[in-house]
Amino acid sequence: MSSAAKTKLTVEEYLAFERASESKHEYYDGDVFAMTSGTPAHSLIASNFIREAGNALKGRPCVVYTSDLRVKVNPSGLYTYPDVTIVCREQLFDDELRDTLVNPSVIVEVLSKSTASYDRGPKSKHFRKVESLQALIFIEQESPAVEVYRRQSDGNWILSDATELTDSTAIEPIGILIPLAEIYRNVSFPELGPSNETGLYNMQ
């Protein structure tokens, strides 16, 4: 996020502004924050994940959304745009315009150097307040690493992670398994050398 706008806005003012804007902004407690654009690797990782999740969920009552979909955290009032949002239930929206989802099942954030501390910290706390959310996923850009936080029946969250391109990440609440080689297909990691046609990497 960038610095906040000087004038605090009501939710109604923010939504009117956002719906007319060509760029995306987060909103929290009256403050509006311009969202920074991602790197090519960030975009590629997100699109790879969307493709694999969409294929894995084909034929099931689930939908996979890009970062164009706005999500509202009802308990805290945060409006934001996750990199990937999955819904595996009836979709509920904030108002009749149906452009702000309030009941995500899975949220995915691709981490970057400028936003990682915010995504893992304050933003994660917001997301975990969403009653419908069953899994929160963080994907590293700089090296192969995927963290999946799963909500338990007692409200606690447990972590499972994968750090090798030969691993797969299990998103148990929605019953899918995604290979890291596919999440990172065509993404270059200088220390690993060039990728081959399978999406795996040749160690130097």
N, C-alpha and C. Protein backbone atom coordinates (compact mmCIF):
# COMPACT_ATOMS: atom_id res chain seq x y z
N MET A 1 0.84 -1.19 0.00
CA MET A 1 0.00 0.00 0.00
C MET A 1 0.87 1.25 0.00
N SER A 2 0.33 2.33 -0.51
CA SER A 2 1.01 3.61 -0.45
C SER A 2 0.46 4.40 0.72
N SER A 3 0.87 5.67 0.84
CA SER A 3 0.40 6.49 1.94
C SER A 3 -1.08 6.78 1.80
N ALA A 4 -1.73 7.04 2.94
CA ALA A 4 -3.17 7.25 2.95
C ALA A 4 -3.52 8.62 2.41
N ALA A 5 -4.71 8.75 1.84
CA ALA A 5 -5.22 10.04 1.40
C ALA A 5 -5.41 10.93 2.62
N LYS A 6 -5.33 12.25 2.46
CA LYS A 6 -5.39 13.17 3.59
C LYS A 6 -6.79 13.26 4.19
N THR A 7 -7.81 13.18 3.35
CA THR A 7 -9.18 13.34 3.82
C THR A 7 -9.82 11.98 4.03
N LYS A 8 -10.39 11.79 5.23
CA LYS A 8 -11.07 10.53 5.50
C LYS A 8 -12.39 10.49 4.74
N LEU A 9 -12.73 9.30 4.24
CA LEU A 9 -13.94 9.11 3.47
C LEU A 9 -14.89 8.17 4.20
N THR A 10 -16.16 8.35 3.98
CA THR A 10 -17.13 7.36 4.43
C THR A 10 -17.06 6.16 3.49
N VAL A 11 -17.65 5.05 3.90
CA VAL A 11 -17.69 3.87 3.02
C VAL A 11 -18.38 4.21 1.71
N GLU A 12 -19.48 4.96 1.79
CA GLU A 12 -20.22 5.33 0.58
C GLU A 12 -19.37 6.18 -0.35
N GLU A 13 -18.60 7.10 0.22
CA GLU A 13 -17.73 7.95 -0.60
C GLU A 13 -16.61 7.13 -1.22
N TYR A 14 -16.05 6.21 -0.45
CA TYR A 14 -15.00 5.35 -0.98
C TYR A 14 -15.51 4.51 -2.15
N LEU A 15 -16.67 3.88 -1.98
CA LEU A 15 -17.19 3.02 -3.04
C LEU A 15 -17.52 3.81 -4.30
N ALA A 16 -18.04 5.02 -4.14
CA ALA A 16 -18.33 5.86 -5.30
C ALA A 16 -17.03 6.23 -6.01
N PHE A 17 -16.02 6.57 -5.23
CA PHE A 17 -14.71 6.91 -5.78
C PHE A 17 -14.08 5.70 -6.47
N GLU A 18 -14.14 4.55 -5.82
CA GLU A 18 -13.48 3.35 -6.33
C GLU A 18 -14.13 2.86 -7.61
N ARG A 19 -15.44 2.92 -7.66
CA ARG A 19 -16.15 2.43 -8.85
C ARG A 19 -15.91 3.31 -10.07
N ALA A 20 -15.46 4.53 -9.85
CA ALA A 20 -15.16 5.45 -10.96
C ALA A 20 -13.67 5.48 -11.28
N SER A 21 -12.86 4.83 -10.44
CA SER A 21 -11.41 4.91 -10.57
C SER A 21 -10.88 3.87 -11.55
N GLU A 22 -9.80 4.20 -12.24
CA GLU A 22 -9.15 3.25 -13.14
C GLU A 22 -8.11 2.41 -12.40
N SER A 23 -7.77 2.79 -11.19
CA SER A 23 -6.83 2.02 -10.37
C SER A 23 -7.53 1.53 -9.11
N LYS A 24 -6.88 0.62 -8.39
CA LYS A 24 -7.51 -0.01 -7.22
C LYS A 24 -6.96 0.58 -5.93
N HIS A 25 -7.84 0.66 -4.93
CA HIS A 25 -7.47 1.22 -3.64
C HIS A 25 -8.07 0.37 -2.52
N GLU A 26 -7.29 0.21 -1.46
CA GLU A 26 -7.83 -0.37 -0.24
C GLU A 26 -8.48 0.73 0.59
N TYR A 27 -9.36 0.30 1.48
CA TYR A 27 -10.04 1.25 2.36
C TYR A 27 -10.13 0.66 3.75
N TYR A 28 -9.77 1.48 4.75
CA TYR A 28 -9.92 1.05 6.13
C TYR A 28 -10.04 2.25 7.04
N ASP A 29 -11.10 2.27 7.83
CA ASP A 29 -11.30 3.27 8.87
C ASP A 29 -11.22 4.70 8.30
N GLY A 30 -11.80 4.90 7.13
CA GLY A 30 -11.84 6.23 6.54
C GLY A 30 -10.68 6.58 5.64
N ASP A 31 -9.63 5.76 5.67
CA ASP A 31 -8.44 6.04 4.87
C ASP A 31 -8.43 5.21 3.59
N VAL A 32 -7.95 5.82 2.52
CA VAL A 32 -7.87 5.16 1.21
C VAL A 32 -6.40 5.00 0.84
N PHE A 33 -6.03 3.81 0.39
CA PHE A 33 -4.64 3.50 0.08
C PHE A 33 -4.54 2.99 -1.36
N ALA A 34 -3.71 3.65 -2.17
CA ALA A 34 -3.49 3.18 -3.53
C ALA A 34 -2.72 1.87 -3.50
N MET A 35 -3.16 0.89 -4.27
CA MET A 35 -2.48 -0.39 -4.32
C MET A 35 -1.41 -0.37 -5.41
N THR A 36 -0.23 -0.82 -5.05
CA THR A 36 0.88 -0.81 -5.99
C THR A 36 0.73 -1.91 -7.02
N SER A 37 1.26 -1.69 -8.20
CA SER A 37 1.23 -2.72 -9.25
C SER A 37 2.28 -3.78 -8.96
N GLY A 38 2.02 -4.99 -9.42
CA GLY A 38 2.92 -6.09 -9.14
C GLY A 38 4.00 -6.26 -10.19
N THR A 39 4.98 -7.09 -9.89
CA THR A 39 6.05 -7.42 -10.83
C THR A 39 5.55 -8.47 -11.82
N PRO A 40 6.28 -8.69 -12.91
CA PRO A 40 5.90 -9.78 -13.81
C PRO A 40 5.82 -11.13 -13.10
N ALA A 41 6.76 -11.39 -12.18
CA ALA A 41 6.74 -12.66 -11.45
C ALA A 41 5.49 -12.76 -10.58
N HIS A 42 5.13 -11.68 -9.92
CA HIS A 42 3.92 -11.64 -9.09
C HIS A 42 2.69 -11.99 -9.93
N SER A 43 2.58 -11.36 -11.08
CA SER A 43 1.43 -11.59 -11.96
C SER A 43 1.42 -13.03 -12.47
N LEU A 44 2.58 -13.55 -12.83
CA LEU A 44 2.67 -14.90 -13.38
C LEU A 44 2.32 -15.95 -12.33
N ILE A 45 2.83 -15.78 -11.12
CA ILE A 45 2.52 -16.72 -10.04
C ILE A 45 1.02 -16.74 -9.77
N ALA A 46 0.42 -15.56 -9.69
CA ALA A 46 -1.03 -15.49 -9.44
C ALA A 46 -1.82 -16.16 -10.56
N SER A 47 -1.44 -15.88 -11.81
CA SER A 47 -2.18 -16.47 -12.93
C SER A 47 -1.98 -17.98 -12.99
N ASN A 48 -0.77 -18.46 -12.67
CA ASN A 48 -0.53 -19.91 -12.62
C ASN A 48 -1.42 -20.57 -11.56
N PHE A 49 -1.49 -19.94 -10.40
CA PHE A 49 -2.31 -20.50 -9.33
C PHE A 49 -3.78 -20.53 -9.73
N ILE A 50 -4.25 -19.44 -10.34
CA ILE A 50 -5.65 -19.37 -10.77
C ILE A 50 -5.96 -20.46 -11.78
N ARG A 51 -5.05 -20.68 -12.74
CA ARG A 51 -5.26 -21.72 -13.75
C ARG A 51 -5.36 -23.09 -13.09
N GLU A 52 -4.41 -23.40 -12.22
CA GLU A 52 -4.39 -24.73 -11.60
C GLU A 52 -5.59 -24.94 -10.68
N ALA A 53 -5.92 -23.92 -9.89
CA ALA A 53 -7.07 -24.05 -9.00
C ALA A 53 -8.36 -24.18 -9.79
N GLY A 54 -8.50 -23.40 -10.85
CA GLY A 54 -9.69 -23.48 -11.68
C GLY A 54 -9.86 -24.85 -12.31
N ASN A 55 -8.76 -25.41 -12.81
CA ASN A 55 -8.83 -26.75 -13.40
C ASN A 55 -9.17 -27.80 -12.35
N ALA A 56 -8.58 -27.68 -11.16
CA ALA A 56 -8.81 -28.66 -10.10
C ALA A 56 -10.25 -28.61 -9.59
N LEU A 57 -10.87 -27.44 -9.67
CA LEU A 57 -12.21 -27.26 -9.14
C LEU A 57 -13.30 -27.37 -10.21
N LYS A 58 -12.90 -27.71 -11.42
CA LYS A 58 -13.87 -27.80 -12.52
C LYS A 58 -14.96 -28.82 -12.18
N GLY A 59 -16.19 -28.43 -12.43
CA GLY A 59 -17.32 -29.31 -12.15
C GLY A 59 -17.82 -29.24 -10.73
N ARG A 60 -17.16 -28.44 -9.89
CA ARG A 60 -17.59 -28.29 -8.51
C ARG A 60 -18.19 -26.89 -8.32
N PRO A 61 -19.00 -26.69 -7.29
CA PRO A 61 -19.64 -25.39 -7.08
C PRO A 61 -18.70 -24.37 -6.47
N CYS A 62 -17.57 -24.16 -7.12
CA CYS A 62 -16.56 -23.21 -6.66
C CYS A 62 -16.20 -22.27 -7.80
N VAL A 63 -15.88 -21.03 -7.46
CA VAL A 63 -15.40 -20.08 -8.45
C VAL A 63 -14.08 -19.49 -7.97
N VAL A 64 -13.19 -19.18 -8.93
CA VAL A 64 -11.87 -18.63 -8.63
C VAL A 64 -11.79 -17.25 -9.25
N TYR A 65 -11.52 -16.25 -8.43
CA TYR A 65 -11.47 -14.86 -8.90
C TYR A 65 -10.05 -14.31 -8.88
N THR A 66 -9.79 -13.40 -9.82
CA THR A 66 -8.53 -12.67 -9.87
C THR A 66 -8.57 -11.50 -8.88
N SER A 67 -7.50 -10.71 -8.89
CA SER A 67 -7.40 -9.55 -8.00
C SER A 67 -8.32 -8.41 -8.40
N ASP A 68 -9.09 -8.57 -9.46
CA ASP A 68 -10.07 -7.54 -9.82
C ASP A 68 -11.27 -7.54 -8.89
N LEU A 69 -11.46 -8.63 -8.13
CA LEU A 69 -12.62 -8.71 -7.25
C LEU A 69 -12.30 -8.07 -5.90
N ARG A 70 -13.13 -7.14 -5.50
CA ARG A 70 -13.00 -6.50 -4.19
C ARG A 70 -13.65 -7.37 -3.12
N VAL A 71 -12.98 -7.46 -1.98
CA VAL A 71 -13.49 -8.23 -0.84
C VAL A 71 -13.62 -7.31 0.36
N LYS A 72 -14.72 -7.45 1.08
CA LYS A 72 -14.91 -6.69 2.32
C LYS A 72 -14.80 -7.64 3.50
N VAL A 73 -14.00 -7.22 4.49
CA VAL A 73 -13.93 -7.94 5.76
C VAL A 73 -14.98 -7.30 6.67
N ASN A 74 -16.13 -7.92 6.75
CA ASN A 74 -17.24 -7.32 7.50
C ASN A 74 -16.91 -6.98 8.95
N PRO A 75 -16.23 -7.86 9.70
CA PRO A 75 -15.99 -7.54 11.11
C PRO A 75 -15.13 -6.30 11.35
N SER A 76 -14.22 -6.00 10.41
CA SER A 76 -13.31 -4.87 10.63
C SER A 76 -13.56 -3.69 9.70
N GLY A 77 -14.25 -3.94 8.57
CA GLY A 77 -14.51 -2.86 7.63
C GLY A 77 -13.43 -2.64 6.59
N LEU A 78 -12.46 -3.55 6.49
CA LEU A 78 -11.43 -3.44 5.45
C LEU A 78 -12.01 -3.83 4.10
N TYR A 79 -11.74 -3.00 3.09
CA TYR A 79 -12.03 -3.33 1.69
C TYR A 79 -10.70 -3.52 0.99
N THR A 80 -10.52 -4.63 0.30
CA THR A 80 -9.24 -4.91 -0.33
C THR A 80 -9.42 -5.82 -1.53
N TYR A 81 -8.32 -6.10 -2.22
CA TYR A 81 -8.33 -6.91 -3.44
C TYR A 81 -7.29 -8.03 -3.31
N PRO A 82 -7.66 -9.19 -2.77
CA PRO A 82 -6.69 -10.30 -2.70
C PRO A 82 -6.22 -10.70 -4.09
N ASP A 83 -5.03 -11.27 -4.15
CA ASP A 83 -4.50 -11.71 -5.44
C ASP A 83 -5.37 -12.81 -6.05
N VAL A 84 -5.87 -13.70 -5.22
CA VAL A 84 -6.79 -14.76 -5.66
C VAL A 84 -7.83 -14.95 -4.57
N THR A 85 -9.08 -15.11 -4.98
CA THR A 85 -10.17 -15.39 -4.04
C THR A 85 -10.96 -16.58 -4.57
N ILE A 86 -11.21 -17.55 -3.72
CA ILE A 86 -12.01 -18.71 -4.09
C ILE A 86 -13.25 -18.76 -3.21
N VAL A 87 -14.38 -19.03 -3.83
CA VAL A 87 -15.64 -19.17 -3.09
C VAL A 87 -16.25 -20.53 -3.44
N CYS A 88 -16.53 -21.32 -2.41
CA CYS A 88 -17.13 -22.64 -2.62
C CYS A 88 -18.46 -22.74 -1.89
N ARG A 89 -19.27 -21.75 -2.06
CA ARG A 89 -20.60 -21.69 -1.46
C ARG A 89 -21.37 -20.62 -2.22
N GLU A 90 -22.61 -20.38 -1.83
CA GLU A 90 -23.35 -19.28 -2.43
C GLU A 90 -22.60 -17.98 -2.19
N GLN A 91 -22.41 -17.21 -3.25
CA GLN A 91 -21.66 -15.97 -3.12
C GLN A 91 -22.55 -14.86 -2.55
N LEU A 92 -22.01 -14.18 -1.54
CA LEU A 92 -22.72 -13.08 -0.90
C LEU A 92 -21.96 -11.78 -1.15
N PHE A 93 -22.70 -10.73 -1.47
CA PHE A 93 -22.08 -9.45 -1.81
C PHE A 93 -22.55 -8.35 -0.86
N ASP A 94 -21.77 -7.27 -0.86
CA ASP A 94 -21.99 -6.18 0.09
C ASP A 94 -23.23 -5.36 -0.22
N ASP A 95 -23.59 -5.26 -1.51
CA ASP A 95 -24.78 -4.50 -1.88
C ASP A 95 -25.30 -5.01 -3.22
N GLU A 96 -26.31 -4.33 -3.74
CA GLU A 96 -26.99 -4.81 -4.94
C GLU A 96 -26.13 -4.73 -6.19
N LEU A 97 -25.04 -3.99 -6.17
CA LEU A 97 -24.16 -3.93 -7.34
C LEU A 97 -23.30 -5.19 -7.48
N ARG A 98 -23.21 -5.97 -6.45
CA ARG A 98 -22.55 -7.28 -6.48
C ARG A 98 -21.11 -7.22 -6.99
N ASP A 99 -20.38 -6.22 -6.53
CA ASP A 99 -18.97 -6.13 -6.92
C ASP A 99 -18.03 -6.18 -5.72
N THR A 100 -18.58 -6.49 -4.52
CA THR A 100 -17.77 -6.59 -3.30
C THR A 100 -18.18 -7.84 -2.54
N LEU A 101 -17.35 -8.88 -2.61
CA LEU A 101 -17.65 -10.16 -1.98
C LEU A 101 -17.43 -10.08 -0.47
N VAL A 102 -18.27 -10.77 0.30
CA VAL A 102 -18.11 -10.75 1.76
C VAL A 102 -17.90 -12.15 2.35
N ASN A 103 -17.95 -13.21 1.53
CA ASN A 103 -17.82 -14.56 2.11
C ASN A 103 -16.83 -15.45 1.35
N PRO A 104 -15.55 -15.04 1.28
CA PRO A 104 -14.55 -15.89 0.62
C PRO A 104 -14.32 -17.18 1.39
N SER A 105 -14.00 -18.25 0.66
CA SER A 105 -13.61 -19.52 1.28
C SER A 105 -12.09 -19.62 1.43
N VAL A 106 -11.38 -19.14 0.42
CA VAL A 106 -9.92 -19.18 0.40
C VAL A 106 -9.42 -17.85 -0.14
N ILE A 107 -8.39 -17.30 0.49
CA ILE A 107 -7.73 -16.09 0.01
C ILE A 107 -6.25 -16.40 -0.19
N VAL A 108 -5.71 -15.93 -1.31
CA VAL A 108 -4.30 -16.14 -1.65
C VAL A 108 -3.63 -14.79 -1.86
N GLU A 109 -2.48 -14.60 -1.23
CA GLU A 109 -1.67 -13.41 -1.45
C GLU A 109 -0.27 -13.82 -1.92
N VAL A 110 0.17 -13.25 -3.03
CA VAL A 110 1.53 -13.43 -3.51
C VAL A 110 2.38 -12.34 -2.86
N LEU A 111 3.36 -12.74 -2.09
CA LEU A 111 4.12 -11.79 -1.29
C LEU A 111 5.16 -11.06 -2.13
N SER A 112 5.39 -9.80 -1.78
CA SER A 112 6.47 -9.02 -2.39
C SER A 112 7.22 -8.32 -1.27
N LYS A 113 8.41 -7.82 -1.58
CA LYS A 113 9.23 -7.19 -0.55
C LYS A 113 8.53 -6.00 0.09
N SER A 114 7.78 -5.26 -0.70
CA SER A 114 7.15 -4.03 -0.19
C SER A 114 5.89 -4.29 0.62
N THR A 115 5.25 -5.46 0.44
CA THR A 115 3.96 -5.70 1.10
C THR A 115 3.96 -6.90 2.02
N ALA A 116 5.04 -7.68 2.06
CA ALA A 116 5.03 -8.95 2.81
C ALA A 116 4.72 -8.74 4.29
N SER A 117 5.33 -7.74 4.93
CA SER A 117 5.10 -7.54 6.36
C SER A 117 3.66 -7.14 6.63
N TYR A 118 3.07 -6.35 5.75
CA TYR A 118 1.66 -5.98 5.90
C TYR A 118 0.75 -7.17 5.66
N ASP A 119 1.03 -7.95 4.60
CA ASP A 119 0.19 -9.10 4.28
C ASP A 119 0.22 -10.14 5.41
N ARG A 120 1.39 -10.40 5.95
CA ARG A 120 1.52 -11.40 7.00
C ARG A 120 1.01 -10.90 8.35
N GLY A 121 1.06 -9.58 8.55
CA GLY A 121 0.70 -9.01 9.84
C GLY A 121 -0.72 -8.47 9.89
N PRO A 122 -0.90 -7.15 9.78
CA PRO A 122 -2.23 -6.55 9.92
C PRO A 122 -3.28 -7.10 8.97
N LYS A 123 -2.90 -7.31 7.71
CA LYS A 123 -3.89 -7.78 6.75
C LYS A 123 -4.34 -9.21 7.07
N SER A 124 -3.40 -10.04 7.49
CA SER A 124 -3.73 -11.40 7.89
C SER A 124 -4.72 -11.41 9.05
N LYS A 125 -4.53 -10.50 10.00
CA LYS A 125 -5.44 -10.43 11.15
C LYS A 125 -6.85 -10.05 10.70
N HIS A 126 -6.94 -9.15 9.73
CA HIS A 126 -8.25 -8.80 9.17
C HIS A 126 -8.90 -10.04 8.54
N PHE A 127 -8.17 -10.72 7.68
CA PHE A 127 -8.73 -11.86 6.95
C PHE A 127 -9.21 -12.95 7.91
N ARG A 128 -8.47 -13.19 8.98
CA ARG A 128 -8.82 -14.28 9.88
C ARG A 128 -10.10 -14.00 10.68
N LYS A 129 -10.60 -12.77 10.58
CA LYS A 129 -11.87 -12.43 11.22
C LYS A 129 -13.07 -12.82 10.36
N VAL A 130 -12.83 -13.16 9.11
CA VAL A 130 -13.91 -13.52 8.19
C VAL A 130 -14.40 -14.92 8.52
N GLU A 131 -15.64 -15.06 8.94
CA GLU A 131 -16.14 -16.35 9.41
C GLU A 131 -16.13 -17.42 8.32
N SER A 132 -16.35 -17.03 7.07
CA SER A 132 -16.42 -18.00 5.98
C SER A 132 -15.05 -18.50 5.55
N LEU A 133 -13.98 -17.79 5.93
CA LEU A 133 -12.64 -18.13 5.42
C LEU A 133 -12.13 -19.41 6.04
N GLN A 134 -11.75 -20.36 5.18
CA GLN A 134 -11.25 -21.66 5.63
C GLN A 134 -9.74 -21.81 5.43
N ALA A 135 -9.17 -21.06 4.50
CA ALA A 135 -7.73 -21.16 4.26
C ALA A 135 -7.19 -19.82 3.80
N LEU A 136 -6.01 -19.48 4.31
CA LEU A 136 -5.29 -18.27 3.92
C LEU A 136 -3.91 -18.70 3.45
N ILE A 137 -3.58 -18.33 2.21
CA ILE A 137 -2.36 -18.84 1.57
C ILE A 137 -1.42 -17.70 1.21
N PHE A 138 -0.14 -17.88 1.55
CA PHE A 138 0.90 -16.93 1.18
C PHE A 138 1.89 -17.62 0.25
N ILE A 139 2.19 -16.97 -0.88
CA ILE A 139 3.12 -17.53 -1.86
C ILE A 139 4.29 -16.56 -2.02
N GLU A 140 5.50 -17.06 -1.83
CA GLU A 140 6.70 -16.24 -1.99
C GLU A 140 7.01 -16.04 -3.47
N GLN A 141 7.60 -14.89 -3.76
CA GLN A 141 8.06 -14.60 -5.13
C GLN A 141 9.52 -14.96 -5.35
N GLU A 142 10.34 -14.72 -4.33
CA GLU A 142 11.78 -14.79 -4.50
C GLU A 142 12.33 -16.21 -4.51
N SER A 143 11.59 -17.14 -3.92
CA SER A 143 12.01 -18.54 -3.87
C SER A 143 10.78 -19.40 -3.72
N PRO A 144 10.86 -20.69 -4.06
CA PRO A 144 9.68 -21.55 -3.96
C PRO A 144 9.28 -21.74 -2.49
N ALA A 145 8.13 -21.24 -2.13
CA ALA A 145 7.63 -21.40 -0.76
C ALA A 145 6.16 -21.03 -0.73
N VAL A 146 5.34 -21.95 -0.26
CA VAL A 146 3.90 -21.73 -0.14
C VAL A 146 3.47 -22.11 1.26
N GLU A 147 2.79 -21.20 1.94
CA GLU A 147 2.28 -21.45 3.28
C GLU A 147 0.75 -21.49 3.22
N VAL A 148 0.16 -22.51 3.81
CA VAL A 148 -1.29 -22.64 3.88
C VAL A 148 -1.72 -22.66 5.34
N TYR A 149 -2.48 -21.66 5.74
CA TYR A 149 -3.04 -21.60 7.09
C TYR A 149 -4.49 -22.07 7.01
N ARG A 150 -4.83 -23.10 7.81
CA ARG A 150 -6.17 -23.67 7.77
C ARG A 150 -6.89 -23.42 9.09
N ARG A 151 -8.13 -22.96 8.98
CA ARG A 151 -8.93 -22.74 10.18
C ARG A 151 -9.40 -24.09 10.74
N GLN A 152 -9.28 -24.25 12.04
CA GLN A 152 -9.74 -25.45 12.72
C GLN A 152 -11.13 -25.21 13.33
N SER A 153 -11.76 -26.28 13.75
CA SER A 153 -13.12 -26.17 14.28
C SER A 153 -13.18 -25.33 15.55
N ASP A 154 -12.05 -25.23 16.27
CA ASP A 154 -12.02 -24.42 17.48
C ASP A 154 -11.65 -22.96 17.21
N GLY A 155 -11.49 -22.62 15.92
CA GLY A 155 -11.17 -21.25 15.56
C GLY A 155 -9.68 -20.97 15.44
N ASN A 156 -8.84 -21.90 15.87
CA ASN A 156 -7.40 -21.74 15.71
C ASN A 156 -6.98 -22.05 14.28
N TRP A 157 -5.77 -21.61 13.94
CA TRP A 157 -5.25 -21.83 12.60
C TRP A 157 -3.97 -22.66 12.68
N ILE A 158 -3.82 -23.62 11.77
CA ILE A 158 -2.58 -24.39 11.71
C ILE A 158 -1.92 -24.20 10.35
N LEU A 159 -0.61 -24.30 10.35
CA LEU A 159 0.19 -24.05 9.16
C LEU A 159 0.72 -25.34 8.56
N SER A 160 0.63 -25.44 7.23
CA SER A 160 1.37 -26.44 6.48
C SER A 160 2.10 -25.70 5.37
N ASP A 161 3.34 -26.11 5.09
CA ASP A 161 4.08 -25.39 4.07
C ASP A 161 4.80 -26.35 3.13
N ALA A 162 5.20 -25.81 1.99
CA ALA A 162 5.94 -26.56 0.97
C ALA A 162 7.02 -25.66 0.42
N THR A 163 8.23 -26.18 0.27
CA THR A 163 9.36 -25.33 -0.12
C THR A 163 10.20 -25.92 -1.25
N GLU A 164 9.76 -27.03 -1.81
CA GLU A 164 10.50 -27.63 -2.92
C GLU A 164 9.61 -27.66 -4.15
N LEU A 165 10.21 -27.44 -5.32
CA LEU A 165 9.44 -27.45 -6.56
C LEU A 165 8.86 -28.83 -6.87
N THR A 166 9.38 -29.86 -6.21
CA THR A 166 8.83 -31.20 -6.39
C THR A 166 7.68 -31.47 -5.42
N ASP A 167 7.40 -30.52 -4.52
CA ASP A 167 6.30 -30.66 -3.57
C ASP A 167 4.98 -30.22 -4.19
N SER A 168 3.90 -30.57 -3.51
CA SER A 168 2.58 -30.04 -3.82
C SER A 168 2.01 -29.40 -2.57
N THR A 169 1.17 -28.41 -2.77
CA THR A 169 0.51 -27.77 -1.63
C THR A 169 -0.94 -28.21 -1.58
N ALA A 170 -1.35 -28.70 -0.42
CA ALA A 170 -2.71 -29.21 -0.23
C ALA A 170 -3.58 -28.11 0.36
N ILE A 171 -4.69 -27.82 -0.31
CA ILE A 171 -5.67 -26.88 0.23
C ILE A 171 -6.84 -27.74 0.69
N GLU A 172 -6.69 -28.29 1.88
CA GLU A 172 -7.60 -29.32 2.37
C GLU A 172 -9.05 -28.87 2.50
N PRO A 173 -9.30 -27.62 2.92
CA PRO A 173 -10.72 -27.24 3.09
C PRO A 173 -11.54 -27.34 1.81
N ILE A 174 -10.89 -27.20 0.65
CA ILE A 174 -11.64 -27.33 -0.60
C ILE A 174 -11.18 -28.56 -1.40
N GLY A 175 -10.32 -29.37 -0.81
CA GLY A 175 -9.98 -30.68 -1.36
C GLY A 175 -9.20 -30.67 -2.66
N ILE A 176 -8.22 -29.77 -2.80
CA ILE A 176 -7.40 -29.78 -4.01
C ILE A 176 -5.92 -29.79 -3.65
N LEU A 177 -5.11 -30.25 -4.60
CA LEU A 177 -3.67 -30.36 -4.45
C LEU A 177 -3.03 -29.69 -5.66
N ILE A 178 -2.12 -28.74 -5.42
CA ILE A 178 -1.50 -28.01 -6.53
C ILE A 178 0.01 -28.15 -6.45
N PRO A 179 0.66 -28.67 -7.50
CA PRO A 179 2.12 -28.79 -7.50
C PRO A 179 2.80 -27.43 -7.51
N LEU A 180 3.86 -27.29 -6.73
CA LEU A 180 4.61 -26.03 -6.75
C LEU A 180 5.22 -25.78 -8.12
N ALA A 181 5.57 -26.85 -8.83
CA ALA A 181 6.14 -26.67 -10.17
C ALA A 181 5.17 -25.94 -11.09
N GLU A 182 3.87 -26.11 -10.85
CA GLU A 182 2.87 -25.42 -11.67
C GLU A 182 2.65 -23.99 -11.18
N ILE A 183 2.67 -23.80 -9.88
CA ILE A 183 2.53 -22.45 -9.34
C ILE A 183 3.66 -21.56 -9.85
N TYR A 184 4.86 -22.14 -9.93
CA TYR A 184 6.04 -21.36 -10.33
C TYR A 184 6.45 -21.63 -11.78
N ARG A 185 5.58 -22.17 -12.58
CA ARG A 185 5.91 -22.45 -13.98
C ARG A 185 6.35 -21.17 -14.68
N ASN A 186 7.51 -21.21 -15.34
CA ASN A 186 8.08 -20.09 -16.10
C ASN A 186 8.53 -18.91 -15.25
N VAL A 187 8.59 -19.12 -13.93
CA VAL A 187 9.12 -18.08 -13.03
C VAL A 187 10.61 -18.35 -12.84
N SER A 188 11.43 -17.33 -13.00
CA SER A 188 12.87 -17.50 -12.91
C SER A 188 13.37 -17.21 -11.50
N PHE A 189 14.15 -18.15 -10.95
CA PHE A 189 14.88 -17.94 -9.71
C PHE A 189 16.36 -18.02 -10.07
N PRO A 190 17.09 -16.93 -10.03
CA PRO A 190 18.49 -16.93 -10.49
C PRO A 190 19.34 -18.02 -9.85
N GLU A 191 19.10 -18.31 -8.55
CA GLU A 191 19.95 -19.28 -7.87
C GLU A 191 19.64 -20.71 -8.30
N LEU A 192 18.49 -20.94 -8.97
CA LEU A 192 18.12 -22.28 -9.38
C LEU A 192 18.44 -22.57 -10.84
N GLY A 193 18.79 -21.55 -11.60
CA GLY A 193 19.06 -21.75 -12.99
C GLY A 193 17.80 -21.69 -13.82
N PRO A 194 17.90 -21.91 -15.14
CA PRO A 194 16.74 -21.80 -16.03
C PRO A 194 15.75 -22.93 -15.84
N SER A 195 14.47 -22.63 -16.02
CA SER A 195 13.45 -23.67 -15.92
C SER A 195 13.41 -24.46 -17.22
N ASN A 196 12.97 -25.70 -17.13
CA ASN A 196 12.80 -26.49 -18.35
C ASN A 196 11.33 -26.52 -18.73
N GLU A 197 11.00 -27.30 -19.75
CA GLU A 197 9.65 -27.27 -20.29
C GLU A 197 8.61 -27.82 -19.31
N THR A 198 9.02 -28.54 -18.29
CA THR A 198 8.07 -29.10 -17.32
C THR A 198 7.74 -28.13 -16.22
N GLY A 199 8.50 -27.01 -16.15
CA GLY A 199 8.28 -26.09 -15.06
C GLY A 199 9.21 -26.35 -13.89
N LEU A 200 9.99 -27.46 -13.95
CA LEU A 200 10.98 -27.71 -12.91
C LEU A 200 12.28 -26.99 -13.28
N TYR A 201 13.21 -26.95 -12.33
CA TYR A 201 14.42 -26.17 -12.52
C TYR A 201 15.67 -27.03 -12.45
N ASN A 202 16.66 -26.61 -13.23
CA ASN A 202 17.93 -27.32 -13.25
C ASN A 202 18.88 -26.68 -12.24
N MET A 203 19.33 -27.45 -11.26
CA MET A 203 20.24 -26.92 -10.27
C MET A 203 21.60 -26.68 -10.92
N GLN A 204 22.22 -25.55 -10.59
CA GLN A 204 23.53 -25.24 -11.15
C GLN A 204 24.62 -26.03 -10.44
